[in-house]
C-alpha cells in the first residue's frame, strides 16, 4: 500500500480508485477536494456510494469519516442531489 492508504479512511481499494482517477498523493487529493475526487471515481465505478464522500473528506482533514460527516452533512446531501440530477439528465437524453 502506498502513501494514500496511510490517510484515515483510505484502504487499498479506495487508494487504487484514487490512483486510477489521477490522484496519487495526499497533496493531490487535497487540491482536488473530496467532491471532485468522488465524482472522478464515479466516472468509472458507479458502485462508489455517497458514503465514500465523507471518508474522502475525512482523509483530507486527517479525521475519521464519522467526524467529517457531522460537519459536512448538508454539503454531502447537496453533492448527492447534484449527482442524481446528472444521472437523471443523462437518462433522459438516452431516450
Protein backbone atom coordinates (compact mmCIF):
# COMPACT_ATOMS: atom_id res chain seq x y z
CA UNK A 1 0.00 0.00 0.00
CA UNK A 2 1.15 3.49 -0.79
CA UNK A 3 1.02 7.00 0.55
CA UNK A 4 -2.74 7.44 0.27
CA UNK A 5 -3.55 4.37 2.34
CA UNK A 6 -1.73 5.97 5.27
CA UNK A 7 -4.52 8.56 5.45
CA UNK A 8 -7.57 7.92 7.63
CA UNK A 9 -10.42 6.12 5.82
CA UNK A 10 -8.30 5.14 2.81
CA UNK A 11 -7.81 1.43 2.32
CA UNK A 12 -6.33 -0.49 -0.57
CA UNK A 13 -9.45 -0.33 -2.78
CA UNK A 14 -10.03 3.39 -2.35
CA UNK A 15 -6.35 4.07 -2.87
CA UNK A 16 -6.44 2.12 -6.15
CA UNK A 17 -9.52 4.05 -7.24
CA UNK A 18 -7.93 7.39 -6.43
CA UNK A 19 -4.81 6.47 -8.38
CA UNK A 20 -6.94 5.40 -11.34
CA UNK A 21 -8.66 8.80 -11.08
CA UNK A 22 -5.27 10.51 -11.34
CA UNK A 23 -4.93 11.28 -7.64
CA UNK A 24 -1.80 9.57 -6.37
CA UNK A 25 -0.70 11.73 -3.43
CA UNK A 26 -2.27 13.24 -0.34
CA UNK A 27 -1.49 16.68 -1.75
CA UNK A 28 -3.34 15.94 -4.99
CA UNK A 29 -6.32 14.67 -3.00
CA UNK A 30 -6.37 17.89 -1.00
CA UNK A 31 -6.05 20.01 -4.16
CA UNK A 32 -8.79 18.03 -5.91
CA UNK A 33 -11.17 18.02 -2.96
CA UNK A 34 -13.44 15.26 -1.72
CA UNK A 35 -16.37 16.06 -4.02
CA UNK A 36 -14.32 16.18 -7.22
CA UNK A 37 -12.36 13.05 -6.23
CA UNK A 38 -15.60 11.15 -5.57
CA UNK A 39 -17.07 12.28 -8.89
CA UNK A 40 -13.90 11.18 -10.70
CA UNK A 41 -14.19 7.74 -9.09
CA UNK A 42 -17.86 7.64 -10.05
CA UNK A 43 -16.89 8.08 -13.71
CA UNK A 44 -15.51 4.53 -13.79
CA UNK A 45 -17.13 2.96 -10.71
CA UNK A 46 -20.78 3.83 -10.20
CA UNK A 47 -20.87 1.49 -7.19
CA UNK A 48 -18.77 4.01 -5.23
CA UNK A 49 -21.59 5.16 -2.97
CA UNK A 50 -22.12 8.51 -1.30
CA UNK A 51 -20.56 7.14 1.91
CA UNK A 52 -17.19 7.40 0.21
CA UNK A 53 -17.54 11.20 0.21
CA UNK A 54 -17.22 11.76 4.00
CA UNK A 55 -14.40 9.21 4.00
CA UNK A 56 -12.51 11.27 1.42
CA UNK A 57 -13.28 14.50 3.29
CA UNK A 58 -12.01 12.91 6.49
CA UNK A 59 -8.85 11.76 4.75
CA UNK A 60 -8.19 15.32 3.63
CA UNK A 61 -8.83 16.66 7.14
CA UNK A 62 -6.95 13.84 8.86
CA UNK A 63 -10.00 12.57 10.77
CA UNK A 64 -12.25 9.50 10.71
CA UNK A 65 -15.22 9.77 8.37
CA UNK A 66 -17.73 9.98 11.24
CA UNK A 67 -16.03 13.17 12.44
CA UNK A 68 -16.10 14.64 8.92
CA UNK A 69 -19.73 13.62 8.40
CA UNK A 70 -21.19 15.86 11.09
CA UNK A 71 -19.51 18.97 9.72
CA UNK A 72 -20.36 18.28 6.09
CA UNK A 73 -23.81 16.68 6.21
CA UNK A 74 -25.56 19.41 4.22
CA UNK A 75 -22.73 19.57 1.71
CA UNK A 76 -22.80 15.79 1.23
CA UNK A 77 -26.56 15.84 0.67
CA UNK A 78 -26.04 18.62 -1.85
CA UNK A 79 -23.48 16.55 -3.77
CA UNK A 80 -25.82 13.56 -3.80
CA UNK A 81 -28.60 15.77 -5.11
CA UNK A 82 -26.30 17.12 -7.85
CA UNK A 83 -25.23 13.59 -8.79
CA UNK A 84 -28.87 12.48 -9.05
CA UNK A 85 -29.62 15.43 -11.33
CA UNK A 86 -26.74 14.46 -13.59
CA UNK A 87 -27.91 10.85 -13.68
CA UNK A 88 -31.48 11.86 -14.45
CA UNK A 89 -30.45 14.23 -17.23
CA UNK A 90 -28.23 11.58 -18.82
CA UNK A 91 -31.03 9.01 -18.72
CA UNK A 92 -33.45 11.47 -20.27
CA UNK A 93 -31.02 12.15 -23.12
CA UNK A 94 -30.71 8.44 -23.83
CA UNK A 95 -34.44 8.14 -24.62
